[in-house]
N, C-alpha and C. Protein backbone atom coordinates (compact mmCIF):
# COMPACT_ATOMS: atom_id res chain seq x y z
N MET A 1 -30.45 -31.46 13.64
CA MET A 1 -31.69 -32.52 13.37
C MET A 1 -33.08 -32.39 13.74
N PRO A 2 -33.86 -33.09 13.61
CA PRO A 2 -35.57 -32.49 13.78
C PRO A 2 -35.73 -33.01 15.11
N GLY A 3 -36.36 -32.07 15.76
CA GLY A 3 -37.14 -32.49 17.28
C GLY A 3 -36.08 -32.70 18.60
N GLN A 4 -35.16 -31.86 18.03
CA GLN A 4 -33.98 -31.36 19.22
C GLN A 4 -34.42 -30.87 19.58
N TYR A 5 -35.05 -29.78 19.68
CA TYR A 5 -35.33 -28.61 20.21
C TYR A 5 -37.26 -28.21 20.23
N PHE A 6 -37.47 -27.23 21.22
CA PHE A 6 -38.82 -26.53 20.96
C PHE A 6 -38.27 -25.59 20.56
N ILE A 7 -39.11 -24.77 19.89
CA ILE A 7 -38.46 -23.58 18.80
C ILE A 7 -39.51 -22.77 19.41
N LEU A 8 -38.97 -21.73 19.53
CA LEU A 8 -39.62 -20.35 20.30
C LEU A 8 -39.03 -19.13 19.24
N LYS A 9 -40.18 -18.84 18.19
CA LYS A 9 -40.24 -18.02 17.06
C LYS A 9 -41.01 -16.67 17.33
N PHE A 10 -39.99 -15.85 17.22
CA PHE A 10 -40.67 -14.40 17.18
C PHE A 10 -40.23 -13.88 15.84
N ASP A 11 -41.29 -13.02 15.27
CA ASP A 11 -41.37 -12.48 14.17
C ASP A 11 -41.44 -10.94 14.07
N PHE A 12 -40.31 -10.42 14.37
CA PHE A 12 -40.60 -8.97 14.48
C PHE A 12 -40.88 -8.33 12.71
N SER A 13 -40.61 -9.19 11.86
CA SER A 13 -41.03 -8.07 10.53
C SER A 13 -42.89 -7.98 10.58
N ALA A 14 -43.03 -8.53 11.58
CA ALA A 14 -45.06 -8.62 11.65
C ALA A 14 -45.21 -7.26 12.58
N ALA A 15 -44.18 -6.89 12.82
CA ALA A 15 -44.71 -5.66 14.13
C ALA A 15 -44.77 -4.31 13.71
N ASP A 16 -45.85 -3.73 13.86
CA ASP A 16 -46.48 -2.33 14.05
C ASP A 16 -45.34 -1.53 14.44
N ARG A 17 -44.88 -0.34 13.70
CA ARG A 17 -44.48 0.50 13.55
C ARG A 17 -44.60 2.00 13.82
N SER A 18 -44.61 2.62 14.61
CA SER A 18 -45.35 3.97 15.39
C SER A 18 -44.34 4.77 15.29
N PRO A 19 -44.23 6.07 15.03
CA PRO A 19 -43.40 6.87 15.53
C PRO A 19 -43.21 7.36 17.38
N ASP A 20 -44.35 7.37 17.92
CA ASP A 20 -44.32 7.46 19.32
C ASP A 20 -44.28 6.02 19.69
N VAL A 21 -43.27 6.67 20.97
CA VAL A 21 -41.93 6.00 21.01
C VAL A 21 -43.04 4.36 22.37
N THR A 22 -44.26 4.95 23.37
CA THR A 22 -44.82 4.48 23.74
C THR A 22 -45.86 3.77 23.08
N GLU A 23 -46.05 4.14 22.19
CA GLU A 23 -47.20 3.27 21.81
C GLU A 23 -46.63 2.22 20.82
N ALA A 24 -45.30 2.17 19.67
CA ALA A 24 -44.16 1.21 19.73
C ALA A 24 -43.61 0.34 20.81
N ASP A 25 -43.39 0.63 21.76
CA ASP A 25 -43.14 -0.32 22.90
C ASP A 25 -44.30 -0.92 23.52
N GLN A 26 -45.47 -0.85 23.21
CA GLN A 26 -46.43 -1.66 23.68
C GLN A 26 -46.80 -2.50 22.80
N LEU A 27 -46.99 -1.94 21.29
CA LEU A 27 -47.11 -2.98 20.18
C LEU A 27 -46.22 -4.05 20.19
N LEU A 28 -44.50 -3.61 20.58
CA LEU A 28 -43.82 -4.57 20.49
C LEU A 28 -43.88 -5.71 21.38
N LYS A 29 -44.37 -5.32 22.97
CA LYS A 29 -44.66 -6.01 23.45
C LYS A 29 -46.05 -7.46 23.55
N THR A 30 -46.79 -6.54 23.05
CA THR A 30 -47.89 -7.35 22.66
C THR A 30 -47.66 -8.18 21.56
N MET A 31 -46.54 -8.35 20.70
CA MET A 31 -46.65 -9.37 19.66
C MET A 31 -45.61 -10.19 20.07
N ILE A 32 -44.95 -9.88 21.07
CA ILE A 32 -43.76 -10.92 21.75
C ILE A 32 -44.58 -11.89 22.87
N ALA A 33 -45.74 -11.13 23.51
CA ALA A 33 -46.60 -12.06 24.35
C ALA A 33 -47.03 -12.93 23.19
N ASP A 34 -47.69 -12.71 22.70
CA ASP A 34 -48.42 -13.37 21.18
C ASP A 34 -47.68 -14.49 20.63
N ASP A 35 -46.37 -14.36 20.43
CA ASP A 35 -45.64 -15.48 20.03
C ASP A 35 -45.47 -16.40 21.24
N LEU A 36 -44.94 -15.82 22.50
CA LEU A 36 -45.11 -16.41 23.67
C LEU A 36 -45.95 -17.28 23.66
N LYS A 37 -47.38 -16.92 24.00
CA LYS A 37 -48.80 -17.91 23.76
C LYS A 37 -48.71 -18.75 22.64
N GLN A 38 -48.49 -18.38 21.20
CA GLN A 38 -48.46 -19.52 20.79
C GLN A 38 -47.07 -20.51 20.63
N PHE A 39 -46.05 -20.28 21.02
CA PHE A 39 -44.95 -21.07 21.64
C PHE A 39 -45.90 -22.13 22.76
N CYS A 40 -46.67 -21.46 23.61
CA CYS A 40 -47.28 -22.61 24.89
C CYS A 40 -48.43 -23.36 24.14
N LYS A 41 -48.85 -22.65 23.08
CA LYS A 41 -49.92 -23.44 22.31
C LYS A 41 -49.20 -24.70 21.42
N ASN A 42 -48.30 -24.11 20.72
CA ASN A 42 -47.02 -25.58 19.84
C ASN A 42 -47.28 -26.71 21.09
N TYR A 43 -47.00 -26.32 22.13
CA TYR A 43 -46.16 -27.43 22.89
C TYR A 43 -47.00 -27.84 24.12
N ALA A 44 -48.27 -27.55 24.02
CA ALA A 44 -48.83 -27.76 25.22
C ALA A 44 -49.02 -29.09 25.94
N MET A 45 -48.97 -30.40 24.94
CA MET A 45 -49.16 -31.45 25.46
C MET A 45 -48.55 -31.83 25.95
N TYR A 46 -46.87 -30.61 26.27
CA TYR A 46 -45.91 -30.31 26.90
C TYR A 46 -45.40 -30.02 28.00
N LEU A 47 -46.24 -28.89 27.93
CA LEU A 47 -46.05 -27.80 28.93
C LEU A 47 -47.00 -27.79 29.81
N GLY A 48 -48.02 -27.87 29.45
CA GLY A 48 -49.52 -27.93 30.31
C GLY A 48 -50.34 -26.78 29.34
N GLY A 49 -51.52 -26.77 29.70
CA GLY A 49 -52.43 -26.34 29.49
C GLY A 49 -52.97 -24.64 29.91
N ASP A 50 -52.04 -24.95 30.96
CA ASP A 50 -51.66 -23.41 31.87
C ASP A 50 -50.66 -22.96 31.35
N ALA A 51 -49.54 -23.30 30.42
CA ALA A 51 -48.40 -22.85 30.23
C ALA A 51 -48.56 -21.25 29.93
N PRO A 52 -49.54 -21.06 29.06
CA PRO A 52 -49.71 -19.02 28.71
C PRO A 52 -50.29 -18.49 30.09
N LYS A 53 -50.39 -18.78 31.12
CA LYS A 53 -50.60 -18.09 32.09
C LYS A 53 -49.25 -17.53 32.82
N ILE A 54 -48.56 -18.11 32.71
CA ILE A 54 -47.33 -17.65 33.36
C ILE A 54 -46.68 -16.40 32.00
N ILE A 55 -47.20 -15.95 31.22
CA ILE A 55 -46.84 -14.89 30.11
C ILE A 55 -47.22 -13.42 30.98
N LEU A 56 -46.31 -12.93 31.21
CA LEU A 56 -46.99 -11.20 31.98
C LEU A 56 -46.48 -10.27 30.68
N PRO A 57 -47.94 -9.85 29.79
CA PRO A 57 -47.99 -8.99 28.54
C PRO A 57 -46.92 -7.84 28.69
N ASN A 58 -46.65 -7.28 29.87
CA ASN A 58 -45.87 -6.09 29.62
C ASN A 58 -44.38 -6.30 30.56
N ALA A 59 -44.31 -7.58 30.46
CA ALA A 59 -42.86 -7.82 30.74
C ALA A 59 -41.75 -9.46 30.07
N PRO A 60 -41.98 -8.35 28.67
CA PRO A 60 -41.74 -9.23 27.99
C PRO A 60 -40.16 -10.24 28.10
N ALA A 61 -39.39 -9.48 28.54
CA ALA A 61 -38.10 -10.57 29.29
C ALA A 61 -38.81 -11.46 30.23
N ALA A 62 -39.28 -11.37 31.19
CA ALA A 62 -39.59 -12.06 32.44
C ALA A 62 -40.61 -13.38 31.63
N SER A 63 -41.47 -13.11 31.02
CA SER A 63 -42.18 -13.73 30.09
C SER A 63 -41.05 -15.10 29.78
N ILE A 64 -40.23 -14.39 28.92
CA ILE A 64 -39.30 -15.18 27.84
C ILE A 64 -38.43 -16.24 29.07
N SER A 65 -38.21 -15.71 29.61
CA SER A 65 -37.24 -16.10 31.08
C SER A 65 -38.17 -17.69 31.40
N ARG A 66 -39.91 -16.99 31.74
CA ARG A 66 -40.57 -18.00 32.46
C ARG A 66 -40.88 -19.10 31.62
N CYS A 67 -40.75 -19.30 30.48
CA CYS A 67 -41.69 -19.63 29.23
C CYS A 67 -40.12 -21.13 28.88
N VAL A 68 -38.65 -20.45 29.31
CA VAL A 68 -37.76 -21.06 28.95
C VAL A 68 -37.67 -22.45 30.32
N ARG A 69 -37.49 -21.58 31.08
CA ARG A 69 -37.77 -22.17 32.71
C ARG A 69 -38.85 -23.18 32.50
N LEU A 70 -39.55 -23.15 32.38
CA LEU A 70 -40.74 -24.12 31.81
C LEU A 70 -40.44 -25.57 31.31
N ALA A 71 -40.01 -25.10 29.85
CA ALA A 71 -40.05 -26.03 29.15
C ALA A 71 -38.63 -27.03 29.74
N SER A 72 -37.72 -26.37 30.12
CA SER A 72 -36.27 -26.90 30.91
C SER A 72 -37.38 -27.91 31.93
N GLU A 73 -37.64 -27.28 33.05
CA GLU A 73 -38.77 -27.70 34.10
C GLU A 73 -38.84 -29.38 33.73
N VAL A 74 -39.79 -29.16 32.17
CA VAL A 74 -40.86 -30.32 31.68
C VAL A 74 -39.87 -31.25 31.02
N LEU A 75 -38.48 -30.81 30.31
CA LEU A 75 -37.03 -31.83 29.53
C LEU A 75 -37.15 -32.60 31.25
N GLU A 76 -36.37 -31.98 31.99
CA GLU A 76 -35.87 -32.59 33.04
C GLU A 76 -36.33 -33.64 34.18
N ASP A 77 -38.01 -33.04 34.25
CA ASP A 77 -38.53 -34.02 35.12
C ASP A 77 -38.54 -35.10 33.87
N ALA A 78 -38.98 -35.07 32.47
CA ALA A 78 -39.21 -36.04 31.55
C ALA A 78 -37.74 -36.85 31.48
N ARG A 79 -36.54 -36.41 31.64
CA ARG A 79 -35.34 -37.30 31.67
C ARG A 79 -35.05 -38.48 32.87
N ARG A 80 -35.74 -37.86 34.05
CA ARG A 80 -36.26 -38.35 35.13
C ARG A 80 -37.21 -39.68 35.42
N ARG A 81 -37.89 -39.64 34.37
CA ARG A 81 -39.04 -40.36 34.11
C ARG A 81 -38.64 -41.12 33.03
N GLY A 82 -37.70 -41.04 32.10
CA GLY A 82 -37.02 -41.79 30.89
C GLY A 82 -38.15 -41.88 30.14
N ASP A 83 -38.93 -40.80 29.98
CA ASP A 83 -39.83 -40.42 28.70
C ASP A 83 -39.42 -40.28 27.50
N LYS A 84 -39.60 -41.63 26.88
CA LYS A 84 -38.89 -41.79 25.52
C LYS A 84 -39.47 -40.50 24.87
N ALA A 85 -40.78 -39.78 24.22
CA ALA A 85 -41.40 -38.87 23.60
C ALA A 85 -40.14 -37.33 23.74
N LEU A 86 -39.58 -37.73 24.70
CA LEU A 86 -39.28 -36.22 25.02
C LEU A 86 -37.50 -36.58 25.21
N ALA A 87 -37.51 -37.99 24.86
CA ALA A 87 -35.72 -38.07 25.07
C ALA A 87 -34.73 -37.74 24.23
N ASP A 88 -34.97 -37.30 23.21
CA ASP A 88 -34.36 -36.44 22.08
C ASP A 88 -33.94 -34.89 22.24
N VAL A 89 -35.02 -33.93 23.07
CA VAL A 89 -35.44 -32.97 22.97
C VAL A 89 -34.07 -32.15 23.99
N ARG A 90 -33.13 -31.50 23.47
CA ARG A 90 -32.46 -30.84 24.42
C ARG A 90 -32.65 -29.21 24.97
N GLY A 91 -33.54 -28.77 24.80
CA GLY A 91 -34.45 -27.26 25.11
C GLY A 91 -35.00 -26.63 24.55
N VAL A 92 -34.55 -25.24 24.22
CA VAL A 92 -35.68 -24.55 23.78
C VAL A 92 -34.51 -23.47 22.78
N ARG A 93 -34.99 -23.74 21.22
CA ARG A 93 -34.05 -23.01 20.73
C ARG A 93 -35.03 -21.42 20.01
N MET A 94 -34.57 -20.26 20.10
CA MET A 94 -35.27 -19.28 20.09
C MET A 94 -34.70 -18.76 18.60
N THR A 95 -35.76 -18.07 17.99
CA THR A 95 -35.13 -17.84 16.43
C THR A 95 -35.87 -16.71 16.06
N ALA A 96 -35.44 -15.65 15.75
CA ALA A 96 -36.16 -14.34 15.33
C ALA A 96 -35.84 -14.16 14.08
N PHE A 97 -37.12 -13.67 13.22
CA PHE A 97 -37.49 -13.41 11.97
C PHE A 97 -37.52 -11.13 11.90
N ILE A 98 -36.51 -11.08 11.01
CA ILE A 98 -36.57 -9.34 11.32
C ILE A 98 -37.19 -8.17 9.95
């Protein structure tokens, strides 16, 4: 059902591939950080305009965790306040394209 989740999309098909492991690692981290920034932009009206500041460019796992935690806190707070706009949102759903 539409509207039940904030959607966090990762498009790994767009990742540049490099035979250099260090370069490939950095390119992947940059791509993940860009997708997380887009998530924050998509839901800025709920997460707040400062949400992208929680993203750590060289720590993708921590950044994903921070984004999901922020969304969970926002939803929990909305439920306590009885916010109708977020009443049906259950959490974050992550999708990946390879």
